[in-house]
Each structure stands twice: as C-alpha cells, then as structure tokens.
Amino acid sequence: MLLKVILAIIMPFLLVLLFTRVSYNHYVGTALAAALLIASYIKGYTHGPSIFFIDIVSLVVGFFLARKMKADLLKKN
C-alpha cells in the first residue's frame, strides 16, 4: 500500500509535466494525464478513495507547476 501511495503522489505530477512539455499546452497535458488516471480507475487499478484523492491533488499540483513553467518560458522569450 505504501508503494501505491508514493506512486499516487509522484506519477500524476510527472505525467502532467511530461505531457505539457510534449504538447506545449498545460491544459492538454492535464487532460491527457487525467484521461490516463480515469482509465486506470475504470480498469480497477486503484484501491480506495484515499489513492483517488492523492492522485487528484497531485494532478492539480502538476497543473499549477506546468502553468508556472510555461509562463516562465514565455516571459524568458
């Protein structure tokens, strides 16, 4: 269970950043990461609402960091 909590904290965050870097849009990156999370929930890979909540929080934190990363990149140019 501890491994699942650690992965729930890290993976959605990293997925949002990865998809944002690939698509150059933080909304698309968040939507793609959320789609992967929803697919995993439908398949039954999560165990309980606590993992679901941690995934959502990590997704939101990733969104805000991706937005900041994109704003810094635009400000730099």
N, C-alpha and C. Protein backbone atom coordinates (compact mmCIF):
# COMPACT_ATOMS: atom_id res chain seq x y z
N MET A 1 0.83 -1.19 0.00
CA MET A 1 0.00 0.00 0.00
C MET A 1 0.87 1.25 0.00
N LEU A 2 2.00 1.19 0.67
CA LEU A 2 2.88 2.35 0.73
C LEU A 2 3.42 2.71 -0.65
N LEU A 3 3.74 1.71 -1.44
CA LEU A 3 4.21 1.94 -2.80
C LEU A 3 3.14 2.63 -3.65
N LYS A 4 1.89 2.22 -3.49
CA LYS A 4 0.80 2.84 -4.24
C LYS A 4 0.61 4.29 -3.84
N VAL A 5 0.79 4.61 -2.58
CA VAL A 5 0.66 6.00 -2.13
C VAL A 5 1.79 6.84 -2.70
N ILE A 6 2.99 6.31 -2.69
CA ILE A 6 4.13 7.05 -3.25
C ILE A 6 3.95 7.28 -4.74
N LEU A 7 3.51 6.27 -5.45
CA LEU A 7 3.26 6.42 -6.89
C LEU A 7 2.11 7.37 -7.16
N ALA A 8 1.09 7.38 -6.30
CA ALA A 8 -0.03 8.30 -6.47
C ALA A 8 0.41 9.74 -6.25
N ILE A 9 1.41 9.96 -5.45
CA ILE A 9 1.93 11.31 -5.22
C ILE A 9 2.78 11.76 -6.41
N ILE A 10 3.58 10.88 -6.96
CA ILE A 10 4.58 11.26 -7.95
C ILE A 10 4.07 11.18 -9.39
N MET A 11 3.41 10.10 -9.76
CA MET A 11 3.11 9.84 -11.17
C MET A 11 2.19 10.86 -11.85
N PRO A 12 1.05 11.24 -11.28
CA PRO A 12 0.23 12.24 -11.98
C PRO A 12 0.96 13.57 -12.17
N PHE A 13 1.73 13.94 -11.18
CA PHE A 13 2.52 15.16 -11.26
C PHE A 13 3.50 15.10 -12.43
N LEU A 14 4.23 14.01 -12.52
CA LEU A 14 5.20 13.87 -13.61
C LEU A 14 4.53 13.72 -14.97
N LEU A 15 3.39 13.05 -15.01
CA LEU A 15 2.67 12.92 -16.28
C LEU A 15 2.21 14.27 -16.81
N VAL A 16 1.71 15.12 -15.93
CA VAL A 16 1.28 16.45 -16.37
C VAL A 16 2.47 17.23 -16.92
N LEU A 17 3.59 17.18 -16.24
CA LEU A 17 4.77 17.90 -16.72
C LEU A 17 5.26 17.34 -18.05
N LEU A 18 5.28 16.02 -18.18
CA LEU A 18 5.72 15.40 -19.42
C LEU A 18 4.80 15.77 -20.58
N PHE A 19 3.51 15.62 -20.40
CA PHE A 19 2.57 15.92 -21.47
C PHE A 19 2.54 17.41 -21.80
N THR A 20 2.80 18.26 -20.82
CA THR A 20 2.87 19.69 -21.08
C THR A 20 4.09 20.02 -21.93
N ARG A 21 5.20 19.40 -21.63
CA ARG A 21 6.41 19.64 -22.42
C ARG A 21 6.25 19.14 -23.85
N VAL A 22 5.55 18.04 -24.03
CA VAL A 22 5.37 17.47 -25.36
C VAL A 22 4.36 18.27 -26.17
N SER A 23 3.26 18.68 -25.54
CA SER A 23 2.19 19.36 -26.28
C SER A 23 2.30 20.89 -26.24
N TYR A 24 3.17 21.44 -25.41
CA TYR A 24 3.32 22.89 -25.24
C TYR A 24 2.04 23.56 -24.75
N ASN A 25 1.19 22.83 -24.06
CA ASN A 25 -0.05 23.38 -23.53
C ASN A 25 -0.36 22.67 -22.22
N HIS A 26 -0.48 23.43 -21.13
CA HIS A 26 -0.70 22.81 -19.84
C HIS A 26 -2.12 22.26 -19.69
N TYR A 27 -3.08 22.79 -20.43
CA TYR A 27 -4.43 22.23 -20.40
C TYR A 27 -4.47 20.84 -21.05
N VAL A 28 -3.80 20.72 -22.17
CA VAL A 28 -3.74 19.42 -22.86
C VAL A 28 -2.98 18.41 -22.00
N GLY A 29 -1.88 18.84 -21.40
CA GLY A 29 -1.12 17.94 -20.54
C GLY A 29 -1.92 17.44 -19.36
N THR A 30 -2.70 18.32 -18.76
CA THR A 30 -3.54 17.92 -17.63
C THR A 30 -4.66 16.99 -18.09
N ALA A 31 -5.26 17.30 -19.24
CA ALA A 31 -6.35 16.46 -19.75
C ALA A 31 -5.85 15.05 -20.09
N LEU A 32 -4.67 14.95 -20.69
CA LEU A 32 -4.12 13.63 -21.02
C LEU A 32 -3.80 12.83 -19.76
N ALA A 33 -3.22 13.50 -18.77
CA ALA A 33 -2.91 12.80 -17.52
C ALA A 33 -4.19 12.37 -16.81
N ALA A 34 -5.19 13.23 -16.83
CA ALA A 34 -6.48 12.88 -16.21
C ALA A 34 -7.13 11.72 -16.94
N ALA A 35 -7.01 11.69 -18.26
CA ALA A 35 -7.58 10.58 -19.03
C ALA A 35 -6.90 9.26 -18.66
N LEU A 36 -5.59 9.29 -18.47
CA LEU A 36 -4.89 8.07 -18.03
C LEU A 36 -5.33 7.64 -16.64
N LEU A 37 -5.52 8.59 -15.75
CA LEU A 37 -5.98 8.26 -14.40
C LEU A 37 -7.39 7.68 -14.42
N ILE A 38 -8.27 8.27 -15.22
CA ILE A 38 -9.64 7.76 -15.31
C ILE A 38 -9.64 6.35 -15.88
N ALA A 39 -8.81 6.10 -16.88
CA ALA A 39 -8.73 4.76 -17.45
C ALA A 39 -8.24 3.75 -16.41
N SER A 40 -7.30 4.15 -15.57
CA SER A 40 -6.83 3.23 -14.54
C SER A 40 -7.89 3.01 -13.47
N TYR A 41 -8.70 4.02 -13.17
CA TYR A 41 -9.79 3.84 -12.21
C TYR A 41 -10.84 2.89 -12.76
N ILE A 42 -11.17 3.04 -14.05
CA ILE A 42 -12.17 2.18 -14.67
C ILE A 42 -11.69 0.73 -14.70
N LYS A 43 -10.41 0.52 -14.97
CA LYS A 43 -9.86 -0.83 -15.01
C LYS A 43 -9.73 -1.45 -13.61
N GLY A 44 -9.79 -0.63 -12.57
CA GLY A 44 -9.74 -1.15 -11.21
C GLY A 44 -8.37 -1.24 -10.61
N TYR A 45 -7.44 -0.40 -11.04
CA TYR A 45 -6.08 -0.44 -10.52
C TYR A 45 -5.90 0.36 -9.24
N THR A 46 -6.93 1.03 -8.77
CA THR A 46 -6.83 1.80 -7.54
C THR A 46 -7.51 1.05 -6.42
N HIS A 47 -7.10 1.35 -5.21
CA HIS A 47 -7.67 0.68 -4.05
C HIS A 47 -8.11 1.73 -3.03
N GLY A 48 -9.34 2.13 -3.12
CA GLY A 48 -9.92 3.02 -2.14
C GLY A 48 -9.88 4.47 -2.55
N PRO A 49 -10.69 5.26 -1.87
CA PRO A 49 -10.79 6.69 -2.20
C PRO A 49 -9.55 7.50 -1.79
N SER A 50 -8.75 6.99 -0.89
CA SER A 50 -7.56 7.74 -0.48
C SER A 50 -6.58 7.88 -1.63
N ILE A 51 -6.37 6.83 -2.40
CA ILE A 51 -5.48 6.88 -3.56
C ILE A 51 -6.07 7.82 -4.61
N PHE A 52 -7.38 7.77 -4.79
CA PHE A 52 -8.06 8.66 -5.73
C PHE A 52 -7.83 10.12 -5.35
N PHE A 53 -7.99 10.44 -4.08
CA PHE A 53 -7.79 11.81 -3.61
C PHE A 53 -6.34 12.26 -3.79
N ILE A 54 -5.39 11.41 -3.47
CA ILE A 54 -3.97 11.74 -3.63
C ILE A 54 -3.64 11.98 -5.09
N ASP A 55 -4.20 11.17 -5.99
CA ASP A 55 -4.00 11.36 -7.43
C ASP A 55 -4.51 12.72 -7.88
N ILE A 56 -5.69 13.10 -7.42
CA ILE A 56 -6.28 14.38 -7.82
C ILE A 56 -5.44 15.54 -7.31
N VAL A 57 -4.98 15.46 -6.08
CA VAL A 57 -4.14 16.54 -5.53
C VAL A 57 -2.84 16.64 -6.32
N SER A 58 -2.24 15.52 -6.63
CA SER A 58 -1.00 15.52 -7.41
C SER A 58 -1.23 16.08 -8.81
N LEU A 59 -2.37 15.77 -9.41
CA LEU A 59 -2.71 16.30 -10.73
C LEU A 59 -2.86 17.81 -10.69
N VAL A 60 -3.50 18.33 -9.65
CA VAL A 60 -3.68 19.79 -9.50
C VAL A 60 -2.35 20.49 -9.28
N VAL A 61 -1.50 19.91 -8.44
CA VAL A 61 -0.18 20.50 -8.21
C VAL A 61 0.64 20.49 -9.49
N GLY A 62 0.56 19.42 -10.24
CA GLY A 62 1.25 19.36 -11.53
C GLY A 62 0.73 20.40 -12.50
N PHE A 63 -0.59 20.64 -12.51
CA PHE A 63 -1.16 21.66 -13.37
C PHE A 63 -0.60 23.04 -13.04
N PHE A 64 -0.57 23.38 -11.76
CA PHE A 64 -0.07 24.70 -11.37
C PHE A 64 1.42 24.86 -11.67
N LEU A 65 2.19 23.81 -11.47
CA LEU A 65 3.62 23.91 -11.78
C LEU A 65 3.84 23.99 -13.29
N ALA A 66 3.05 23.26 -14.07
CA ALA A 66 3.18 23.32 -15.53
C ALA A 66 2.78 24.71 -16.04
N ARG A 67 1.75 25.30 -15.43
CA ARG A 67 1.35 26.66 -15.80
C ARG A 67 2.45 27.66 -15.49
N LYS A 68 3.08 27.51 -14.33
CA LYS A 68 4.19 28.39 -13.96
C LYS A 68 5.38 28.18 -14.88
N MET A 69 5.66 26.93 -15.21
CA MET A 69 6.77 26.60 -16.11
C MET A 69 6.54 27.23 -17.49
N LYS A 70 5.32 27.16 -17.99
CA LYS A 70 5.01 27.74 -19.29
C LYS A 70 5.08 29.26 -19.24
N ALA A 71 4.61 29.87 -18.16
CA ALA A 71 4.67 31.32 -18.02
C ALA A 71 6.12 31.81 -17.96
N ASP A 72 6.95 31.10 -17.24
CA ASP A 72 8.37 31.45 -17.18
C ASP A 72 9.04 31.33 -18.54
N LEU A 73 8.67 30.32 -19.29
CA LEU A 73 9.23 30.13 -20.62
C LEU A 73 8.80 31.26 -21.56
N LEU A 74 7.54 31.67 -21.48
CA LEU A 74 7.07 32.78 -22.33
C LEU A 74 7.68 34.11 -21.90
N LYS A 75 7.88 34.29 -20.60
CA LYS A 75 8.49 35.51 -20.11
C LYS A 75 9.95 35.60 -20.52
N LYS A 76 10.61 34.44 -20.61
CA LYS A 76 12.02 34.37 -20.98
C LYS A 76 12.23 34.80 -22.44
N ASN A 77 11.27 34.43 -23.29
CA ASN A 77 11.38 34.79 -24.72
C ASN A 77 10.90 36.16 -24.88
